[in-house]
PDB file of all heavy atoms in Angstrom:
ATOM      1  N   GLY A   1       7.314  54.572 -43.709  1.00  0.00           N
ATOM      2  CA  GLY A   1       5.949  54.893 -44.109  1.00  0.00           C
ATOM      3  C   GLY A   1       5.186  55.709 -43.102  1.00  0.00           C
ATOM      4  O   GLY A   1       4.072  56.132 -43.371  1.00  0.00           O
ATOM      5  N   LEU A   2       5.786  55.924 -41.942  1.00  0.00           N
ATOM      6  CA  LEU A   2       5.160  56.711 -40.876  1.00  0.00           C
ATOM      7  C   LEU A   2       3.766  56.202 -40.509  1.00  0.00           C
ATOM      8  O   LEU A   2       2.841  56.980 -40.251  1.00  0.00           O
ATOM      9  CB  LEU A   2       5.083  58.225 -41.259  1.00  0.00           C
ATOM     10  CG  LEU A   2       6.407  58.902 -41.538  1.00  0.00           C
ATOM     11  CD1 LEU A   2       6.178  60.349 -41.948  1.00  0.00           C
ATOM     12  CD2 LEU A   2       7.345  58.867 -40.317  1.00  0.00           C
ATOM     13  N   HIS A   3       3.580  54.901 -40.481  1.00  0.00           N
ATOM     14  CA  HIS A   3       2.285  54.329 -40.108  1.00  0.00           C
ATOM     15  C   HIS A   3       2.029  54.652 -38.657  1.00  0.00           C
ATOM     16  O   HIS A   3       2.708  54.190 -37.723  1.00  0.00           O
ATOM     17  CB  HIS A   3       2.309  52.803 -40.316  1.00  0.00           C
ATOM     18  CG  HIS A   3       0.988  52.175 -40.126  1.00  0.00           C
ATOM     19  ND1 HIS A   3       0.042  52.144 -41.140  1.00  0.00           N
ATOM     20  CD2 HIS A   3       0.403  51.627 -39.042  1.00  0.00           C
ATOM     21  CE1 HIS A   3      -1.029  51.538 -40.660  1.00  0.00           C
ATOM     22  NE2 HIS A   3      -0.832  51.228 -39.397  1.00  0.00           N
ATOM     23  N   GLY A   4       1.003  55.474 -38.432  1.00  0.00           N
ATOM     24  CA  GLY A   4       0.717  55.960 -37.081  1.00  0.00           C
ATOM     25  C   GLY A   4       1.605  57.091 -36.638  1.00  0.00           C
ATOM     26  O   GLY A   4       1.520  57.570 -35.531  1.00  0.00           O
ATOM     27  N   GLY A   5       2.489  57.555 -37.525  1.00  0.00           N
ATOM     28  CA  GLY A   5       3.425  58.592 -37.187  1.00  0.00           C
ATOM     29  C   GLY A   5       3.112  59.871 -37.958  1.00  0.00           C
ATOM     30  O   GLY A   5       1.996  60.080 -38.442  1.00  0.00           O
ATOM     31  N   GLY A   6       4.081  60.741 -38.062  1.00  0.00           N
ATOM     32  CA  GLY A   6       3.917  62.049 -38.718  1.00  0.00           C
ATOM     33  C   GLY A   6       3.404  63.068 -37.744  1.00  0.00           C
ATOM     34  O   GLY A   6       3.710  63.026 -36.546  1.00  0.00           O
ATOM     35  N   TRP A   7       2.637  63.992 -38.292  1.00  0.00           N
ATOM     36  CA  TRP A   7       2.034  65.043 -37.448  1.00  0.00           C
ATOM     37  C   TRP A   7       0.728  64.563 -36.837  1.00  0.00           C
ATOM     38  O   TRP A   7      -0.080  63.891 -37.518  1.00  0.00           O
ATOM     39  CB  TRP A   7       1.712  66.266 -38.287  1.00  0.00           C
ATOM     40  CG  TRP A   7       2.830  67.147 -38.683  1.00  0.00           C
ATOM     41  CD1 TRP A   7       3.978  67.399 -38.015  1.00  0.00           C
ATOM     42  CD2 TRP A   7       2.885  67.900 -39.888  1.00  0.00           C
ATOM     43  NE1 TRP A   7       4.757  68.293 -38.711  1.00  0.00           N
ATOM     44  CE2 TRP A   7       4.089  68.617 -39.886  1.00  0.00           C
ATOM     45  CE3 TRP A   7       2.050  68.064 -40.973  1.00  0.00           C
ATOM     46  CZ2 TRP A   7       4.473  69.460 -40.905  1.00  0.00           C
ATOM     47  CZ3 TRP A   7       2.413  68.897 -42.007  1.00  0.00           C
ATOM     48  CH2 TRP A   7       3.626  69.586 -41.934  1.00  0.00           C
ATOM     49  N   HIS A   8       0.474  64.937 -35.598  1.00  0.00           N
ATOM     50  CA  HIS A   8      -0.834  64.681 -34.976  1.00  0.00           C
ATOM     51  C   HIS A   8      -1.249  65.974 -34.296  1.00  0.00           C
ATOM     52  O   HIS A   8      -0.426  66.652 -33.698  1.00  0.00           O
ATOM     53  CB  HIS A   8      -0.726  63.556 -33.915  1.00  0.00           C
ATOM     54  CG  HIS A   8      -0.485  62.210 -34.514  1.00  0.00           C
ATOM     55  ND1 HIS A   8      -1.413  61.256 -34.582  1.00  0.00           N
ATOM     56  CD2 HIS A   8       0.617  61.712 -35.123  1.00  0.00           C
ATOM     57  CE1 HIS A   8      -0.926  60.192 -35.175  1.00  0.00           C
ATOM     58  NE2 HIS A   8       0.328  60.475 -35.527  1.00  0.00           N
ATOM     59  N   LEU A   9      -2.533  66.297 -34.403  1.00  0.00           N
ATOM     60  CA  LEU A   9      -3.059  67.568 -33.919  1.00  0.00           C
ATOM     61  C   LEU A   9      -4.402  67.353 -33.249  1.00  0.00           C
ATOM     62  O   LEU A   9      -5.282  66.707 -33.811  1.00  0.00           O
ATOM     63  CB  LEU A   9      -3.171  68.518 -35.106  1.00  0.00           C
ATOM     64  CG  LEU A   9      -3.609  69.958 -34.802  1.00  0.00           C
ATOM     65  CD1 LEU A   9      -2.480  70.690 -34.047  1.00  0.00           C
ATOM     66  CD2 LEU A   9      -3.873  70.676 -36.117  1.00  0.00           C
ATOM     67  N   HIS A  10      -4.525  67.868 -32.036  1.00  0.00           N
ATOM     68  CA  HIS A  10      -5.790  67.789 -31.323  1.00  0.00           C
ATOM     69  C   HIS A  10      -6.337  69.195 -31.189  1.00  0.00           C
ATOM     70  O   HIS A  10      -5.607  70.121 -30.730  1.00  0.00           O
ATOM     71  CB  HIS A  10      -5.604  67.204 -29.925  1.00  0.00           C
ATOM     72  CG  HIS A  10      -5.208  65.782 -29.926  1.00  0.00           C
ATOM     73  ND1 HIS A  10      -3.906  65.367 -30.127  1.00  0.00           N
ATOM     74  CD2 HIS A  10      -5.941  64.657 -29.785  1.00  0.00           C
ATOM     75  CE1 HIS A  10      -3.876  64.030 -30.086  1.00  0.00           C
ATOM     76  NE2 HIS A  10      -5.082  63.593 -29.896  1.00  0.00           N
ATOM     77  N   GLY A  11      -7.593  69.396 -31.518  1.00  0.00           N
ATOM     78  CA  GLY A  11      -8.222  70.663 -31.345  1.00  0.00           C
ATOM     79  C   GLY A  11      -8.924  70.718 -29.967  1.00  0.00           C
ATOM     80  O   GLY A  11      -8.848  69.797 -29.178  1.00  0.00           O
ATOM     81  N   ARG A  12      -9.615  71.836 -29.696  1.00  0.00           N
ATOM     82  CA  ARG A  12     -10.339  71.967 -28.455  1.00  0.00           C
ATOM     83  C   ARG A  12     -11.341  70.760 -28.372  1.00  0.00           C
ATOM     84  O   ARG A  12     -12.057  70.513 -29.306  1.00  0.00           O
ATOM     85  CB  ARG A  12     -11.112  73.266 -28.425  1.00  0.00           C
ATOM     86  CG  ARG A  12     -11.804  73.577 -27.119  1.00  0.00           C
ATOM     87  CD  ARG A  12     -12.509  74.902 -27.166  1.00  0.00           C
ATOM     88  NE  ARG A  12     -11.679  75.990 -27.602  1.00  0.00           N
ATOM     89  CZ  ARG A  12     -10.958  76.777 -26.783  1.00  0.00           C
ATOM     90  NH1 ARG A  12     -11.011  76.537 -25.499  1.00  0.00           N
ATOM     91  NH2 ARG A  12     -10.239  77.755 -27.256  1.00  0.00           N
ATOM     92  N   GLY A  13     -11.321  70.059 -27.234  1.00  0.00           N
ATOM     93  CA  GLY A  13     -12.196  68.916 -27.083  1.00  0.00           C
ATOM     94  C   GLY A  13     -11.646  67.629 -27.713  1.00  0.00           C
ATOM     95  O   GLY A  13     -12.300  66.586 -27.651  1.00  0.00           O
ATOM     96  N   GLY A  14     -10.443  67.711 -28.267  1.00  0.00           N
ATOM     97  CA  GLY A  14      -9.858  66.530 -28.880  1.00  0.00           C
ATOM     98  C   GLY A  14      -9.527  65.491 -27.795  1.00  0.00           C
ATOM     99  O   GLY A  14      -9.488  65.778 -26.619  1.00  0.00           O
ATOM    100  N   LYS A  15      -9.320  64.254 -28.265  1.00  0.00           N
ATOM    101  CA  LYS A  15      -8.986  63.201 -27.274  1.00  0.00           C
ATOM    102  C   LYS A  15      -8.190  62.093 -27.966  1.00  0.00           C
ATOM    103  O   LYS A  15      -8.198  61.920 -29.161  1.00  0.00           O
ATOM    104  CB  LYS A  15     -10.249  62.644 -26.672  1.00  0.00           C
ATOM    105  CG  LYS A  15     -11.083  61.839 -27.655  1.00  0.00           C
ATOM    106  CD  LYS A  15     -12.302  61.237 -26.980  1.00  0.00           C
ATOM    107  CE  LYS A  15     -13.160  60.503 -28.072  1.00  0.00           C
ATOM    108  NZ  LYS A  15     -14.364  59.908 -27.493  1.00  0.00           N
ATOM    109  N   LEU A  16      -7.470  61.390 -27.099  1.00  0.00           N
ATOM    110  CA  LEU A  16      -6.843  60.119 -27.431  1.00  0.00           C
ATOM    111  C   LEU A  16      -6.910  59.312 -26.159  1.00  0.00           C
ATOM    112  O   LEU A  16      -6.128  59.527 -25.213  1.00  0.00           O
ATOM    113  CB  LEU A  16      -5.391  60.324 -27.930  1.00  0.00           C
ATOM    114  CG  LEU A  16      -4.663  59.073 -28.331  1.00  0.00           C
ATOM    115  CD1 LEU A  16      -5.392  58.328 -29.447  1.00  0.00           C
ATOM    116  CD2 LEU A  16      -3.256  59.404 -28.764  1.00  0.00           C
ATOM    117  N   ASN A  17      -7.880  58.416 -26.077  1.00  0.00           N
ATOM    118  CA  ASN A  17      -8.099  57.676 -24.851  1.00  0.00           C
ATOM    119  C   ASN A  17      -6.911  56.747 -24.516  1.00  0.00           C
ATOM    120  O   ASN A  17      -6.090  56.466 -25.398  1.00  0.00           O
ATOM    121  CB  ASN A  17      -9.362  56.809 -24.969  1.00  0.00           C
ATOM    122  CG  ASN A  17     -10.630  57.600 -24.865  1.00  0.00           C
ATOM    123  OD1 ASN A  17     -10.582  58.814 -24.633  1.00  0.00           O
ATOM    124  ND2 ASN A  17     -11.767  56.973 -25.047  1.00  0.00           N
ATOM    125  N   VAL A  18      -6.852  56.351 -23.266  1.00  0.00           N
ATOM    126  CA  VAL A  18      -5.860  55.420 -22.834  1.00  0.00           C
ATOM    127  C   VAL A  18      -5.934  54.176 -23.714  1.00  0.00           C
ATOM    128  O   VAL A  18      -7.004  53.614 -23.948  1.00  0.00           O
ATOM    129  CB  VAL A  18      -6.039  55.048 -21.370  1.00  0.00           C
ATOM    130  CG1 VAL A  18      -5.016  54.004 -20.924  1.00  0.00           C
ATOM    131  CG2 VAL A  18      -5.968  56.278 -20.465  1.00  0.00           C
ATOM    132  N   HIS A  19      -4.773  53.751 -24.226  1.00  0.00           N
ATOM    133  CA  HIS A  19      -4.775  52.560 -25.108  1.00  0.00           C
ATOM    134  C   HIS A  19      -3.396  51.910 -25.071  1.00  0.00           C
ATOM    135  O   HIS A  19      -2.427  52.521 -24.639  1.00  0.00           O
ATOM    136  CB  HIS A  19      -5.137  52.955 -26.516  1.00  0.00           C
ATOM    137  CG  HIS A  19      -4.124  53.870 -27.178  1.00  0.00           C
ATOM    138  ND1 HIS A  19      -4.061  55.190 -26.960  1.00  0.00           N
ATOM    139  CD2 HIS A  19      -3.120  53.561 -28.043  1.00  0.00           C
ATOM    140  CE1 HIS A  19      -3.070  55.754 -27.642  1.00  0.00           C
ATOM    141  NE2 HIS A  19      -2.453  54.760 -28.321  1.00  0.00           N
ATOM    142  N   LEU A  20      -3.347  50.685 -25.521  1.00  0.00           N
ATOM    143  CA  LEU A  20      -2.101  49.966 -25.661  1.00  0.00           C
ATOM    144  C   LEU A  20      -1.742  49.958 -27.147  1.00  0.00           C
ATOM    145  O   LEU A  20      -2.565  49.497 -27.948  1.00  0.00           O
ATOM    146  CB  LEU A  20      -2.258  48.535 -25.119  1.00  0.00           C
ATOM    147  CG  LEU A  20      -1.032  47.642 -25.153  1.00  0.00           C
ATOM    148  CD1 LEU A  20       0.074  48.210 -24.269  1.00  0.00           C
ATOM    149  CD2 LEU A  20      -1.402  46.234 -24.679  1.00  0.00           C
ATOM    150  N   ASP A  21      -0.605  50.512 -27.484  1.00  0.00           N
ATOM    151  CA  ASP A  21      -0.186  50.504 -28.904  1.00  0.00           C
ATOM    152  C   ASP A  21      -0.037  49.093 -29.422  1.00  0.00           C
ATOM    153  O   ASP A  21       0.354  48.198 -28.665  1.00  0.00           O
ATOM    154  CB  ASP A  21       1.082  51.289 -29.077  1.00  0.00           C
ATOM    155  CG  ASP A  21       0.885  52.801 -29.060  1.00  0.00           C
ATOM    156  OD1 ASP A  21      -0.236  53.250 -29.159  1.00  0.00           O
ATOM    157  OD2 ASP A  21       1.919  53.515 -28.966  1.00  0.00           O
ATOM    158  N   TYR A  22      -0.296  48.911 -30.685  1.00  0.00           N
ATOM    159  CA  TYR A  22      -0.098  47.588 -31.285  1.00  0.00           C
ATOM    160  C   TYR A  22       1.393  47.304 -31.340  1.00  0.00           C
ATOM    161  O   TYR A  22       2.209  48.182 -31.476  1.00  0.00           O
ATOM    162  CB  TYR A  22      -0.741  47.546 -32.655  1.00  0.00           C
ATOM    163  CG  TYR A  22      -0.291  48.563 -33.640  1.00  0.00           C
ATOM    164  CD1 TYR A  22       0.802  48.339 -34.483  1.00  0.00           C
ATOM    165  CD2 TYR A  22      -0.921  49.812 -33.738  1.00  0.00           C
ATOM    166  CE1 TYR A  22       1.214  49.282 -35.403  1.00  0.00           C
ATOM    167  CE2 TYR A  22      -0.497  50.789 -34.650  1.00  0.00           C
ATOM    168  CZ  TYR A  22       0.538  50.483 -35.459  1.00  0.00           C
ATOM    169  OH  TYR A  22       0.985  51.438 -36.379  1.00  0.00           O
ATOM    170  N   SER A  23       1.716  46.043 -31.188  1.00  0.00           N
ATOM    171  CA  SER A  23       3.137  45.665 -31.092  1.00  0.00           C
ATOM    172  C   SER A  23       3.694  45.142 -32.405  1.00  0.00           C
ATOM    173  O   SER A  23       4.894  45.079 -32.612  1.00  0.00           O
ATOM    174  CB  SER A  23       3.339  44.620 -30.018  1.00  0.00           C
ATOM    175  OG  SER A  23       2.575  43.472 -30.240  1.00  0.00           O
ATOM    176  N   LEU A  24       2.835  44.775 -33.318  1.00  0.00           N
ATOM    177  CA  LEU A  24       3.287  44.272 -34.637  1.00  0.00           C
ATOM    178  C   LEU A  24       2.847  45.227 -35.726  1.00  0.00           C
ATOM    179  O   LEU A  24       1.654  45.551 -35.836  1.00  0.00           O
ATOM    180  CB  LEU A  24       2.682  42.884 -34.899  1.00  0.00           C
ATOM    181  CG  LEU A  24       3.242  42.102 -36.091  1.00  0.00           C
ATOM    182  CD1 LEU A  24       4.724  41.761 -35.838  1.00  0.00           C
ATOM    183  CD2 LEU A  24       2.458  40.800 -36.299  1.00  0.00           C
ATOM    184  N   HIS A  25       3.801  45.711 -36.510  1.00  0.00           N
ATOM    185  CA  HIS A  25       3.501  46.638 -37.558  1.00  0.00           C
ATOM    186  C   HIS A  25       2.591  45.957 -38.608  1.00  0.00           C
ATOM    187  O   HIS A  25       2.908  44.852 -39.058  1.00  0.00           O
ATOM    188  CB  HIS A  25       4.775  47.130 -38.229  1.00  0.00           C
ATOM    189  CG  HIS A  25       4.594  48.298 -39.141  1.00  0.00           C
ATOM    190  ND1 HIS A  25       3.971  48.162 -40.387  1.00  0.00           N
ATOM    191  CD2 HIS A  25       4.919  49.592 -39.032  1.00  0.00           C
ATOM    192  CE1 HIS A  25       3.962  49.336 -40.981  1.00  0.00           C
ATOM    193  NE2 HIS A  25       4.521  50.242 -40.166  1.00  0.00           N
ATOM    194  N   PRO A  26       1.438  46.550 -38.908  1.00  0.00           N
ATOM    195  CA  PRO A  26       0.474  45.865 -39.764  1.00  0.00           C
ATOM    196  C   PRO A  26       0.907  45.617 -41.210  1.00  0.00           C
ATOM    197  O   PRO A  26       0.405  44.726 -41.873  1.00  0.00           O
ATOM    198  CB  PRO A  26      -0.777  46.763 -39.719  1.00  0.00           C
ATOM    199  CG  PRO A  26      -0.250  48.077 -39.330  1.00  0.00           C
ATOM    200  CD  PRO A  26       0.966  47.842 -38.484  1.00  0.00           C
ATOM    201  N   LYS A  27       1.868  46.388 -41.685  1.00  0.00           N
ATOM    202  CA  LYS A  27       2.296  46.219 -43.068  1.00  0.00           C
ATOM    203  C   LYS A  27       3.644  45.529 -43.181  1.00  0.00           C
ATOM    204  O   LYS A  27       3.896  44.682 -44.025  1.00  0.00           O
ATOM    205  CB  LYS A  27       2.379  47.587 -43.774  1.00  0.00           C
ATOM    206  CG  LYS A  27       1.003  48.178 -43.970  1.00  0.00           C
ATOM    207  CD  LYS A  27       1.056  49.496 -44.716  1.00  0.00           C
ATOM    208  CE  LYS A  27      -0.357  50.035 -44.857  1.00  0.00           C
ATOM    209  NZ  LYS A  27      -0.370  51.284 -45.628  1.00  0.00           N
ATOM    210  N   LEU A  28       4.569  45.875 -42.265  1.00  0.00           N
ATOM    211  CA  LEU A  28       5.912  45.308 -42.326  1.00  0.00           C
ATOM    212  C   LEU A  28       6.056  43.985 -41.571  1.00  0.00           C
ATOM    213  O   LEU A  28       7.032  43.244 -41.750  1.00  0.00           O
ATOM    214  CB  LEU A  28       6.934  46.288 -41.726  1.00  0.00           C
ATOM    215  CG  LEU A  28       7.034  47.676 -42.422  1.00  0.00           C
ATOM    216  CD1 LEU A  28       7.977  48.576 -41.665  1.00  0.00           C
ATOM    217  CD2 LEU A  28       7.460  47.465 -43.869  1.00  0.00           C
ATOM    218  N   GLN A  29       5.068  43.710 -40.693  1.00  0.00           N
ATOM    219  CA  GLN A  29       5.083  42.506 -39.847  1.00  0.00           C
ATOM    220  C   GLN A  29       6.331  42.433 -39.005  1.00  0.00           C
ATOM    221  O   GLN A  29       6.856  41.348 -38.727  1.00  0.00           O
ATOM    222  CB  GLN A  29       4.905  41.231 -40.730  1.00  0.00           C
ATOM    223  CG  GLN A  29       3.585  41.185 -41.440  1.00  0.00           C
ATOM    224  CD  GLN A  29       2.380  41.245 -40.514  1.00  0.00           C
ATOM    225  OE1 GLN A  29       2.271  40.417 -39.600  1.00  0.00           O
ATOM    226  NE2 GLN A  29       1.516  42.229 -40.679  1.00  0.00           N
ATOM    227  N   LEU A  30       6.857  43.568 -38.599  1.00  0.00           N
ATOM    228  CA  LEU A  30       8.011  43.682 -37.716  1.00  0.00           C
ATOM    229  C   LEU A  30       7.468  44.158 -36.364  1.00  0.00           C
ATOM    230  O   LEU A  30       6.498  44.901 -36.257  1.00  0.00           O
ATOM    231  CB  LEU A  30       9.016  44.668 -38.224  1.00  0.00           C
ATOM    232  CG  LEU A  30       9.698  44.286 -39.534  1.00  0.00           C
ATOM    233  CD1 LEU A  30      10.587  45.446 -40.014  1.00  0.00           C
ATOM    234  CD2 LEU A  30      10.559  43.022 -39.378  1.00  0.00           C
ATOM    235  N   GLU A  31       8.193  43.775 -35.300  1.00  0.00           N
ATOM    236  CA  GLU A  31       7.838  44.198 -33.942  1.00  0.00           C
ATOM    237  C   GLU A  31       8.084  45.700 -33.832  1.00  0.00           C
ATOM    238  O   GLU A  31       9.160  46.198 -34.146  1.00  0.00           O
ATOM    239  CB  GLU A  31       8.648  43.420 -32.918  1.00  0.00           C
ATOM    240  CG  GLU A  31       8.327  43.787 -31.513  1.00  0.00           C
ATOM    241  CD  GLU A  31       9.153  43.040 -30.472  1.00  0.00           C
ATOM    242  OE1 GLU A  31      10.262  42.549 -30.847  1.00  0.00           O
ATOM    243  OE2 GLU A  31       8.722  42.982 -29.317  1.00  0.00           O
ATOM    244  N   ARG A  32       7.081  46.433 -33.308  1.00  0.00           N
ATOM    245  CA  ARG A  32       7.285  47.839 -33.002  1.00  0.00           C
ATOM    246  C   ARG A  32       7.930  47.918 -31.636  1.00  0.00           C
ATOM    247  O   ARG A  32       7.448  47.351 -30.676  1.00  0.00           O
ATOM    248  CB  ARG A  32       5.927  48.557 -32.989  1.00  0.00           C
ATOM    249  CG  ARG A  32       5.281  48.590 -34.372  1.00  0.00           C
ATOM    250  CD  ARG A  32       3.967  49.366 -34.390  1.00  0.00           C
ATOM    251  NE  ARG A  32       4.201  50.737 -34.124  1.00  0.00           N
ATOM    252  CZ  ARG A  32       3.572  51.452 -33.180  1.00  0.00           C
ATOM    253  NH1 ARG A  32       2.692  50.904 -32.384  1.00  0.00           N
ATOM    254  NH2 ARG A  32       3.872  52.726 -33.004  1.00  0.00           N
ATOM    255  N   ARG A  33       9.038  48.654 -31.521  1.00  0.00           N
ATOM    256  CA  ARG A  33       9.799  48.718 -30.275  1.00  0.00           C
ATOM    257  C   ARG A  33       9.709  50.056 -29.569  1.00  0.00           C
ATOM    258  O   ARG A  33       9.617  50.088 -28.360  1.00  0.00           O
ATOM    259  CB  ARG A  33      11.280  48.408 -30.562  1.00  0.00           C
ATOM    260  CG  ARG A  33      11.553  47.019 -31.130  1.00  0.00           C
ATOM    261  CD  ARG A  33      11.192  45.893 -30.118  1.00  0.00           C
ATOM    262  NE  ARG A  33      11.768  46.066 -28.812  1.00  0.00           N
ATOM    263  CZ  ARG A  33      12.939  45.605 -28.426  1.00  0.00           C
ATOM    264  NH1 ARG A  33      13.709  44.938 -29.243  1.00  0.00           N
ATOM    265  NH2 ARG A  33      13.393  45.820 -27.181  1.00  0.00           N
ATOM    266  N   LEU A  34       9.797  51.161 -30.320  1.00  0.00           N
ATOM    267  CA  LEU A  34       9.880  52.481 -29.674  1.00  0.00           C
ATOM    268  C   LEU A  34       8.927  53.485 -30.330  1.00  0.00           C
ATOM    269  O   LEU A  34       8.662  53.392 -31.544  1.00  0.00           O
ATOM    270  CB  LEU A  34      11.297  53.045 -29.791  1.00  0.00           C
ATOM    271  CG  LEU A  34      12.424  52.272 -29.124  1.00  0.00           C
ATOM    272  CD1 LEU A  34      13.747  52.864 -29.497  1.00  0.00           C
ATOM    273  CD2 LEU A  34      12.223  52.229 -27.609  1.00  0.00           C
ATOM    274  N   ASN A  35       8.439  54.375 -29.555  1.00  0.00           N
ATOM    275  CA  ASN A  35       7.685  55.533 -30.009  1.00  0.00           C
ATOM    276  C   ASN A  35       8.432  56.794 -29.638  1.00  0.00           C
ATOM    277  O   ASN A  35       9.062  56.843 -28.602  1.00  0.00           O
ATOM    278  CB  ASN A  35       6.282  55.608 -29.397  1.00  0.00           C
ATOM    279  CG  ASN A  35       5.298  54.696 -30.058  1.00  0.00           C
ATOM    280  OD1 ASN A  35       5.511  54.194 -31.160  1.00  0.00           O
ATOM    281  ND2 ASN A  35       4.208  54.458 -29.387  1.00  0.00           N
ATOM    282  N   LEU A  36       8.356  57.772 -30.519  1.00  0.00           N
ATOM    283  CA  LEU A  36       8.915  59.095 -30.217  1.00  0.00           C
ATOM    284  C   LEU A  36       7.824  60.125 -30.419  1.00  0.00           C
ATOM    285  O   LEU A  36       7.204  60.206 -31.499  1.00  0.00           O
ATOM    286  CB  LEU A  36      10.081  59.388 -31.155  1.00  0.00           C
ATOM    287  CG  LEU A  36      10.566  60.877 -31.214  1.00  0.00           C
ATOM    288  CD1 LEU A  36      11.166  61.309 -29.886  1.00  0.00           C
ATOM    289  CD2 LEU A  36      11.569  61.080 -32.334  1.00  0.00           C
ATOM    290  N   ILE A  37       7.537  60.889 -29.419  1.00  0.00           N
ATOM    291  CA  ILE A  37       6.589  62.011 -29.473  1.00  0.00           C
ATOM    292  C   ILE A  37       7.359  63.271 -29.131  1.00  0.00           C
ATOM    293  O   ILE A  37       8.097  63.305 -28.169  1.00  0.00           O
ATOM    294  CB  ILE A  37       5.451  61.830 -28.450  1.00  0.00           C
ATOM    295  CG1 ILE A  37       4.611  60.569 -28.780  1.00  0.00           C
ATOM    296  CG2 ILE A  37       4.552  63.070 -28.410  1.00  0.00           C
ATOM    297  CD1 ILE A  37       3.590  60.243 -27.702  1.00  0.00           C
ATOM    298  N   VAL A  38       7.178  64.309 -29.967  1.00  0.00           N
ATOM    299  CA  VAL A  38       7.786  65.616 -29.679  1.00  0.00           C
ATOM    300  C   VAL A  38       6.624  66.621 -29.713  1.00  0.00           C
ATOM    301  O   VAL A  38       5.932  66.736 -30.696  1.00  0.00           O
ATOM    302  CB  VAL A  38       8.839  66.007 -30.707  1.00  0.00           C
ATOM    303  CG1 VAL A  38       9.445  67.347 -30.297  1.00  0.00           C
ATOM    304  CG2 VAL A  38       9.928  64.925 -30.788  1.00  0.00           C
ATOM    305  N   TYR A  39       6.462  67.332 -28.592  1.00  0.00           N
ATOM    306  CA  TYR A  39       5.396  68.361 -28.499  1.00  0.00           C
ATOM    307  C   TYR A  39       5.903  69.655 -29.138  1.00  0.00           C
ATOM    308  O   TYR A  39       6.971  70.155 -28.798  1.00  0.00           O
ATOM    309  CB  TYR A  39       5.022  68.628 -27.043  1.00  0.00           C
ATOM    310  CG  TYR A  39       4.407  67.388 -26.410  1.00  0.00           C
ATOM    311  CD1 TYR A  39       5.113  66.619 -25.493  1.00  0.00           C
ATOM    312  CD2 TYR A  39       3.127  66.986 -26.749  1.00  0.00           C
ATOM    313  CE1 TYR A  39       4.564  65.490 -24.913  1.00  0.00           C
ATOM    314  CE2 TYR A  39       2.540  65.849 -26.159  1.00  0.00           C
ATOM    315  CZ  TYR A  39       3.298  65.123 -25.266  1.00  0.00           C
ATOM    316  OH  TYR A  39       2.748  64.010 -24.689  1.00  0.00           O
ATOM    317  N   LEU A  40       5.103  70.186 -30.069  1.00  0.00           N
ATOM    318  CA  LEU A  40       5.508  71.427 -30.763  1.00  0.00           C
ATOM    319  C   LEU A  40       4.437  72.479 -30.696  1.00  0.00           C
ATOM    320  O   LEU A  40       4.188  73.160 -31.675  1.00  0.00           O
ATOM    321  CB  LEU A  40       5.876  71.072 -32.220  1.00  0.00           C
ATOM    322  CG  LEU A  40       7.146  70.238 -32.369  1.00  0.00           C
ATOM    323  CD1 LEU A  40       7.302  69.774 -33.802  1.00  0.00           C
ATOM    324  CD2 LEU A  40       8.355  71.012 -31.919  1.00  0.00           C
ATOM    325  N   THR A  41       3.775  72.606 -29.564  1.00  0.00           N
ATOM    326  CA  THR A  41       2.747  73.613 -29.389  1.00  0.00           C
ATOM    327  C   THR A  41       3.233  74.598 -28.303  1.00  0.00           C
ATOM    328  O   THR A  41       3.153  74.312 -27.126  1.00  0.00           O
ATOM    329  CB  THR A  41       1.396  73.014 -28.939  1.00  0.00           C
ATOM    330  OG1 THR A  41       1.013  72.019 -29.888  1.00  0.00           O
ATOM    331  CG2 THR A  41       0.332  74.085 -28.834  1.00  0.00           C
TER     332      THR A  41
END
């Protein structure tokens, strides 16, 4: 379902503050283990 996944885009002045990702998937109720980020700019 790509919850929190898919494409993400920041424009000029965009931000994503320091945060701790949630560990339990809110819909599947499964533990989230890994993230994959690929920069394509």
